[in-house]
Amino acid sequence: MRHGGGLVAGAILLLSGCAVPTVNAVPTAAPATSTAQASTTGADCLAPQVLTALGFDRDERSRAGVHPDAPEAVPVPADFAPVLAVECSTGETMTDSAGEWAAVTTTRREGDLAALLAALATDQSASPAVTCAPGGQRAELWLLDTMGDALRVAVPGSMCGRLPSPVREALDGLDAVDVEHAPVHLVAPRETAG
């Protein structure tokens, strides 16, 4: 009886021991899954990696304040179901007592994302012969699901930070429900009376 109980207990321990490596062996960061690159802190247009992609330097990133790192931009995984798009863009300016600032614009867009997802799934290659001029308008894109998990999207065919026409048109077809501007780079300091 004791021997049989020991076999049962040993079998349970053996099965338990086998189950742990099997679970750990399942890749949790597979490229085809959304959980690998999704940020639970939401979309952040002032994250250091986003500001770098938008063309701002280290000093400008530090002036934007402390923001958590953004995940690497990746293609939209098949199992990610977004309900909201967040566009981070340059090109706007703001003026305050310090002078004129180049700003980052955060635009939250809602609506039917089918056309946007189709555009993002299209295989578009950027031309390697294109030379990017400094200071041009740039954009970065995030997608959020119903849980608020945010995916920083690698946009196929994006050149010099500009979105390809199909992606741009799909974004413009959505409703801009919230727009915010944040000053990042002081381009024209206000002259003070001496």
C-alpha atoms as a PDB file:
ATOM      1  CA  MET A   1       0.000   0.000   0.000  1.00  0.00           C
ATOM      2  CA  ARG A   2       2.786   2.393   0.948  1.00  0.00           C
ATOM      3  CA  HIS A   3       4.676   1.389  -2.186  1.00  0.00           C
ATOM      4  CA  GLY A   4       1.605   2.072  -4.371  1.00  0.00           C
ATOM      5  CA  GLY A   5       1.077   5.462  -2.727  1.00  0.00           C
ATOM      6  CA  GLY A   6       4.710   6.315  -3.362  1.00  0.00           C
ATOM      7  CA  LEU A   7       4.299   5.441  -7.027  1.00  0.00           C
ATOM      8  CA  VAL A   8       1.229   7.666  -7.304  1.00  0.00           C
ATOM      9  CA  ALA A   9       2.965  10.544  -5.541  1.00  0.00           C
ATOM     10  CA  GLY A  10       6.058  10.035  -7.676  1.00  0.00           C
ATOM     11  CA  ALA A  11       3.944   9.994 -10.829  1.00  0.00           C
ATOM     12  CA  ILE A  12       2.245  13.240  -9.802  1.00  0.00           C
ATOM     13  CA  LEU A  13       5.597  14.879  -9.087  1.00  0.00           C
ATOM     14  CA  LEU A  14       6.971  13.578 -12.368  1.00  0.00           C
ATOM     15  CA  LEU A  15       4.000  14.890 -14.306  1.00  0.00           C
ATOM     16  CA  SER A  16       4.193  18.211 -12.493  1.00  0.00           C
ATOM     17  CA  GLY A  17       7.897  18.412 -13.207  1.00  0.00           C
ATOM     18  CA  CYS A  18       7.284  17.716 -16.888  1.00  0.00           C
ATOM     19  CA  ALA A  19       4.507  20.273 -17.119  1.00  0.00           C
ATOM     20  CA  VAL A  20       6.652  23.209 -16.003  1.00  0.00           C
ATOM     21  CA  PRO A  21       9.304  22.940 -18.754  1.00  0.00           C
ATOM     22  CA  THR A  22       6.572  22.366 -21.330  1.00  0.00           C
ATOM     23  CA  VAL A  23       4.794  25.589 -20.306  1.00  0.00           C
ATOM     24  CA  ASN A  24       8.062  27.520 -20.182  1.00  0.00           C
ATOM     25  CA  ALA A  25       9.070  26.102 -23.553  1.00  0.00           C
ATOM     26  CA  VAL A  26       6.050  27.704 -25.225  1.00  0.00           C
ATOM     27  CA  PRO A  27       7.387  30.953 -26.721  1.00  0.00           C
ATOM     28  CA  THR A  28       5.669  33.973 -25.217  1.00  0.00           C
ATOM     29  CA  ALA A  29       7.375  36.467 -27.523  1.00  0.00           C
ATOM     30  CA  ALA A  30       6.609  34.884 -30.861  1.00  0.00           C
ATOM     31  CA  PRO A  31       6.455  37.448 -33.688  1.00  0.00           C
ATOM     32  CA  ALA A  32       2.963  36.274 -34.652  1.00  0.00           C
ATOM     33  CA  THR A  33       1.397  37.192 -31.306  1.00  0.00           C
ATOM     34  CA  SER A  34       0.349  40.614 -30.090  1.00  0.00           C
ATOM     35  CA  THR A  35       1.344  40.046 -26.460  1.00  0.00           C
ATOM     36  CA  ALA A  36       5.022  40.127 -27.379  1.00  0.00           C
ATOM     37  CA  GLN A  37       5.218  43.800 -28.320  1.00  0.00           C
ATOM     38  CA  ALA A  38       2.095  45.345 -26.772  1.00  0.00           C
ATOM     39  CA  SER A  39       2.590  48.066 -24.177  1.00  0.00           C
ATOM     40  CA  THR A  40       0.223  48.007 -21.216  1.00  0.00           C
ATOM     41  CA  THR A  41       0.987  51.675 -20.470  1.00  0.00           C
ATOM     42  CA  GLY A  42      -0.816  52.833 -23.612  1.00  0.00           C
ATOM     43  CA  ALA A  43       0.322  54.838 -26.618  1.00  0.00           C
ATOM     44  CA  ASP A  44       2.885  57.516 -25.797  1.00  0.00           C
ATOM     45  CA  CYS A  45       3.937  59.988 -28.483  1.00  0.00           C
ATOM     46  CA  LEU A  46       6.630  61.403 -26.164  1.00  0.00           C
ATOM     47  CA  ALA A  47       8.375  58.088 -25.464  1.00  0.00           C
ATOM     48  CA  PRO A  48      12.110  58.378 -26.250  1.00  0.00           C
ATOM     49  CA  GLN A  49      12.001  55.874 -29.123  1.00  0.00           C
ATOM     50  CA  VAL A  50       9.034  57.630 -30.725  1.00  0.00           C
ATOM     51  CA  LEU A  51      10.687  61.055 -30.467  1.00  0.00           C
ATOM     52  CA  THR A  52      13.832  59.607 -32.062  1.00  0.00           C
ATOM     53  CA  ALA A  53      11.758  58.209 -34.932  1.00  0.00           C
ATOM     54  CA  LEU A  54      10.118  61.619 -35.301  1.00  0.00           C
ATOM     55  CA  GLY A  55      13.548  63.225 -35.738  1.00  0.00           C
ATOM     56  CA  PHE A  56      14.218  64.791 -32.327  1.00  0.00           C
ATOM     57  CA  ASP A  57      17.655  64.615 -30.706  1.00  0.00           C
ATOM     58  CA  ARG A  58      18.654  63.558 -27.184  1.00  0.00           C
ATOM     59  CA  ASP A  59      18.397  67.051 -25.649  1.00  0.00           C
ATOM     60  CA  GLU A  60      14.951  67.543 -27.123  1.00  0.00           C
ATOM     61  CA  ARG A  61      13.867  64.138 -25.830  1.00  0.00           C
ATOM     62  CA  SER A  62      15.046  65.027 -22.321  1.00  0.00           C
ATOM     63  CA  ARG A  63      13.134  68.332 -22.406  1.00  0.00           C
ATOM     64  CA  ALA A  64       9.953  66.378 -23.179  1.00  0.00           C
ATOM     65  CA  GLY A  65      10.142  64.923 -19.662  1.00  0.00           C
ATOM     66  CA  VAL A  66      10.431  61.387 -18.364  1.00  0.00           C
ATOM     67  CA  HIS A  67       8.393  58.876 -20.332  1.00  0.00           C
ATOM     68  CA  PRO A  68       8.606  55.079 -20.324  1.00  0.00           C
ATOM     69  CA  ASP A  69      10.365  53.339 -23.179  1.00  0.00           C
ATOM     70  CA  ALA A  70       8.195  52.367 -26.129  1.00  0.00           C
ATOM     71  CA  PRO A  71       8.287  48.831 -27.517  1.00  0.00           C
ATOM     72  CA  GLU A  72       9.881  48.163 -30.871  1.00  0.00           C
ATOM     73  CA  ALA A  73       7.641  48.953 -33.856  1.00  0.00           C
ATOM     74  CA  VAL A  74       6.351  45.697 -35.351  1.00  0.00           C
ATOM     75  CA  PRO A  75       3.895  44.583 -38.042  1.00  0.00           C
ATOM     76  CA  VAL A  76       0.332  44.123 -36.775  1.00  0.00           C
ATOM     77  CA  PRO A  77      -0.001  40.521 -35.547  1.00  0.00           C
ATOM     78  CA  ALA A  78      -2.954  38.459 -36.745  1.00  0.00           C
ATOM     79  CA  ASP A  79      -4.317  38.033 -33.215  1.00  0.00           C
ATOM     80  CA  PHE A  80      -4.302  41.750 -32.314  1.00  0.00           C
ATOM     81  CA  ALA A  81      -7.781  43.321 -32.566  1.00  0.00           C
ATOM     82  CA  PRO A  82      -7.412  47.123 -32.425  1.00  0.00           C
ATOM     83  CA  VAL A  83     -10.309  49.489 -31.803  1.00  0.00           C
ATOM     84  CA  LEU A  84      -8.385  52.775 -31.786  1.00  0.00           C
ATOM     85  CA  ALA A  85      -5.498  54.320 -33.715  1.00  0.00           C
ATOM     86  CA  VAL A  86      -3.139  56.918 -32.265  1.00  0.00           C
ATOM     87  CA  GLU A  87      -1.039  58.956 -34.672  1.00  0.00           C
ATOM     88  CA  CYS A  88       2.057  60.806 -33.453  1.00  0.00           C
ATOM     89  CA  SER A  89       3.114  63.499 -35.915  1.00  0.00           C
ATOM     90  CA  THR A  90       5.323  66.533 -36.390  1.00  0.00           C
ATOM     91  CA  GLY A  91       4.666  69.711 -38.368  1.00  0.00           C
ATOM     92  CA  GLU A  92       2.709  71.802 -35.862  1.00  0.00           C
ATOM     93  CA  THR A  93       4.148  74.723 -33.904  1.00  0.00           C
ATOM     94  CA  MET A  94       3.198  76.275 -30.576  1.00  0.00           C
ATOM     95  CA  THR A  95       4.066  79.658 -29.094  1.00  0.00           C
ATOM     96  CA  ASP A  96       4.508  80.534 -25.437  1.00  0.00           C
ATOM     97  CA  SER A  97       6.530  83.003 -23.364  1.00  0.00           C
ATOM     98  CA  ALA A  98       9.768  81.223 -24.350  1.00  0.00           C
ATOM     99  CA  GLY A  99       9.109  81.507 -28.092  1.00  0.00           C
ATOM    100  CA  GLU A 100       8.026  79.215 -30.921  1.00  0.00           C
ATOM    101  CA  TRP A 101       8.207  75.451 -30.458  1.00  0.00           C
ATOM    102  CA  ALA A 102       8.093  72.509 -32.835  1.00  0.00           C
ATOM    103  CA  ALA A 103       5.417  70.268 -31.393  1.00  0.00           C
ATOM    104  CA  VAL A 104       4.443  66.629 -31.435  1.00  0.00           C
ATOM    105  CA  THR A 105       0.767  66.132 -32.167  1.00  0.00           C
ATOM    106  CA  THR A 106      -1.109  63.167 -30.703  1.00  0.00           C
ATOM    107  CA  THR A 107      -4.292  62.368 -32.632  1.00  0.00           C
ATOM    108  CA  ARG A 108      -6.623  59.638 -31.399  1.00  0.00           C
ATOM    109  CA  ARG A 109      -8.741  58.204 -34.226  1.00  0.00           C
ATOM    110  CA  GLU A 110     -11.811  55.985 -33.970  1.00  0.00           C
ATOM    111  CA  GLY A 111     -14.080  54.236 -36.456  1.00  0.00           C
ATOM    112  CA  ASP A 112     -13.947  51.183 -38.686  1.00  0.00           C
ATOM    113  CA  LEU A 113     -10.261  50.225 -38.787  1.00  0.00           C
ATOM    114  CA  ALA A 114     -10.694  47.636 -41.570  1.00  0.00           C
ATOM    115  CA  ALA A 115      -9.240  49.872 -44.310  1.00  0.00           C
ATOM    116  CA  LEU A 116      -6.307  50.846 -42.089  1.00  0.00           C
ATOM    117  CA  LEU A 117      -5.527  47.232 -41.210  1.00  0.00           C
ATOM    118  CA  ALA A 118      -5.727  46.271 -44.887  1.00  0.00           C
ATOM    119  CA  ALA A 119      -3.312  49.087 -45.789  1.00  0.00           C
ATOM    120  CA  LEU A 120      -0.928  48.023 -43.027  1.00  0.00           C
ATOM    121  CA  ALA A 121      -1.025  44.416 -44.268  1.00  0.00           C
ATOM    122  CA  THR A 122       0.002  45.436 -47.781  1.00  0.00           C
ATOM    123  CA  ASP A 123       3.577  44.596 -48.703  1.00  0.00           C
ATOM    124  CA  GLN A 124       5.001  47.984 -49.700  1.00  0.00           C
ATOM    125  CA  SER A 125       8.729  48.438 -49.978  1.00  0.00           C
ATOM    126  CA  ALA A 126      10.312  51.847 -49.572  1.00  0.00           C
ATOM    127  CA  SER A 127      12.679  52.823 -52.353  1.00  0.00           C
ATOM    128  CA  PRO A 128      16.295  52.491 -51.166  1.00  0.00           C
ATOM    129  CA  ALA A 129      17.297  55.347 -53.509  1.00  0.00           C
ATOM    130  CA  VAL A 130      15.271  57.946 -51.592  1.00  0.00           C
ATOM    131  CA  THR A 131      17.345  60.486 -49.653  1.00  0.00           C
ATOM    132  CA  CYS A 132      15.533  61.855 -46.621  1.00  0.00           C
ATOM    133  CA  ALA A 133      15.712  65.609 -46.140  1.00  0.00           C
ATOM    134  CA  PRO A 134      16.115  66.777 -42.548  1.00  0.00           C
ATOM    135  CA  GLY A 135      13.186  68.510 -40.892  1.00  0.00           C
ATOM    136  CA  GLY A 136      10.387  66.948 -42.936  1.00  0.00           C
ATOM    137  CA  GLN A 137       7.052  66.021 -41.428  1.00  0.00           C
ATOM    138  CA  ARG A 138       7.049  62.595 -39.829  1.00  0.00           C
ATOM    139  CA  ALA A 139       4.520  60.253 -38.275  1.00  0.00           C
ATOM    140  CA  GLU A 140       4.454  57.219 -35.995  1.00  0.00           C
ATOM    141  CA  LEU A 141       1.450  54.965 -35.425  1.00  0.00           C
ATOM    142  CA  TRP A 142       0.041  53.056 -32.456  1.00  0.00           C
ATOM    143  CA  LEU A 143      -2.974  50.728 -32.321  1.00  0.00           C
ATOM    144  CA  LEU A 144      -4.908  49.975 -29.121  1.00  0.00           C
ATOM    145  CA  ASP A 145      -7.201  47.066 -28.324  1.00  0.00           C
ATOM    146  CA  THR A 146     -10.210  46.977 -25.985  1.00  0.00           C
ATOM    147  CA  MET A 147      -7.958  46.188 -23.004  1.00  0.00           C
ATOM    148  CA  GLY A 148      -5.908  49.333 -23.606  1.00  0.00           C
ATOM    149  CA  ASP A 149      -2.836  47.405 -24.739  1.00  0.00           C
ATOM    150  CA  ALA A 150      -0.964  49.494 -27.298  1.00  0.00           C
ATOM    151  CA  LEU A 151       1.047  48.218 -30.238  1.00  0.00           C
ATOM    152  CA  ARG A 152       3.631  50.465 -31.896  1.00  0.00           C
ATOM    153  CA  VAL A 153       3.224  49.708 -35.591  1.00  0.00           C
ATOM    154  CA  ALA A 154       5.950  49.279 -38.181  1.00  0.00           C
ATOM    155  CA  VAL A 155       4.314  50.854 -41.230  1.00  0.00           C
ATOM    156  CA  PRO A 156       5.244  49.092 -44.485  1.00  0.00           C
ATOM    157  CA  GLY A 157       6.450  51.453 -47.200  1.00  0.00           C
ATOM    158  CA  SER A 158       7.032  54.357 -44.805  1.00  0.00           C
ATOM    159  CA  MET A 159       9.737  56.660 -46.203  1.00  0.00           C
ATOM    160  CA  CYS A 160      11.531  59.342 -44.206  1.00  0.00           C
ATOM    161  CA  GLY A 161       8.868  59.051 -41.516  1.00  0.00           C
ATOM    162  CA  ARG A 162       6.058  59.767 -44.009  1.00  0.00           C
ATOM    163  CA  LEU A 163       3.165  57.349 -44.145  1.00  0.00           C
ATOM    164  CA  PRO A 164       2.392  55.767 -47.534  1.00  0.00           C
ATOM    165  CA  SER A 165      -0.765  57.043 -49.274  1.00  0.00           C
ATOM    166  CA  PRO A 166      -3.024  54.037 -48.501  1.00  0.00           C
ATOM    167  CA  VAL A 167      -2.231  54.292 -44.781  1.00  0.00           C
ATOM    168  CA  ARG A 168      -2.604  58.082 -44.806  1.00  0.00           C
ATOM    169  CA  GLU A 169      -5.971  57.865 -46.573  1.00  0.00           C
ATOM    170  CA  ALA A 170      -7.225  55.174 -44.197  1.00  0.00           C
ATOM    171  CA  LEU A 171      -6.225  57.262 -41.173  1.00  0.00           C
ATOM    172  CA  ASP A 172      -7.890  60.358 -42.609  1.00  0.00           C
ATOM    173  CA  GLY A 173     -11.075  58.315 -43.049  1.00  0.00           C
ATOM    174  CA  LEU A 174     -11.305  57.779 -39.291  1.00  0.00           C
ATOM    175  CA  ASP A 175     -12.777  60.236 -36.800  1.00  0.00           C
ATOM    176  CA  ALA A 176     -10.235  62.357 -34.929  1.00  0.00           C
ATOM    177  CA  VAL A 177     -11.748  62.256 -31.444  1.00  0.00           C
ATOM    178  CA  ASP A 178      -8.925  63.932 -29.535  1.00  0.00           C
ATOM    179  CA  VAL A 179      -5.948  66.046 -30.606  1.00  0.00           C
ATOM    180  CA  GLU A 180      -3.168  67.215 -28.280  1.00  0.00           C
ATOM    181  CA  HIS A 181       0.036  69.175 -28.965  1.00  0.00           C
ATOM    182  CA  ALA A 182       3.199  68.986 -26.860  1.00  0.00           C
ATOM    183  CA  PRO A 183       6.141  71.393 -27.336  1.00  0.00           C
ATOM    184  CA  VAL A 184       9.452  69.572 -27.838  1.00  0.00           C
ATOM    185  CA  HIS A 185      11.954  71.767 -29.735  1.00  0.00           C
ATOM    186  CA  LEU A 186      12.388  75.535 -29.304  1.00  0.00           C
ATOM    187  CA  VAL A 187      12.869  76.733 -32.883  1.00  0.00           C
ATOM    188  CA  ALA A 188      12.621  80.505 -32.331  1.00  0.00           C
ATOM    189  CA  PRO A 189      13.331  81.853 -28.837  1.00  0.00           C
ATOM    190  CA  ARG A 190      11.398  84.967 -27.957  1.00  0.00           C
ATOM    191  CA  GLU A 191      13.602  88.042 -27.889  1.00  0.00           C
ATOM    192  CA  THR A 192      13.625  89.695 -24.500  1.00  0.00           C
ATOM    193  CA  ALA A 193      13.706  93.446 -24.178  1.00  0.00           C
ATOM    194  CA  GLY A 194      17.111  94.544 -22.904  1.00  0.00           C
END
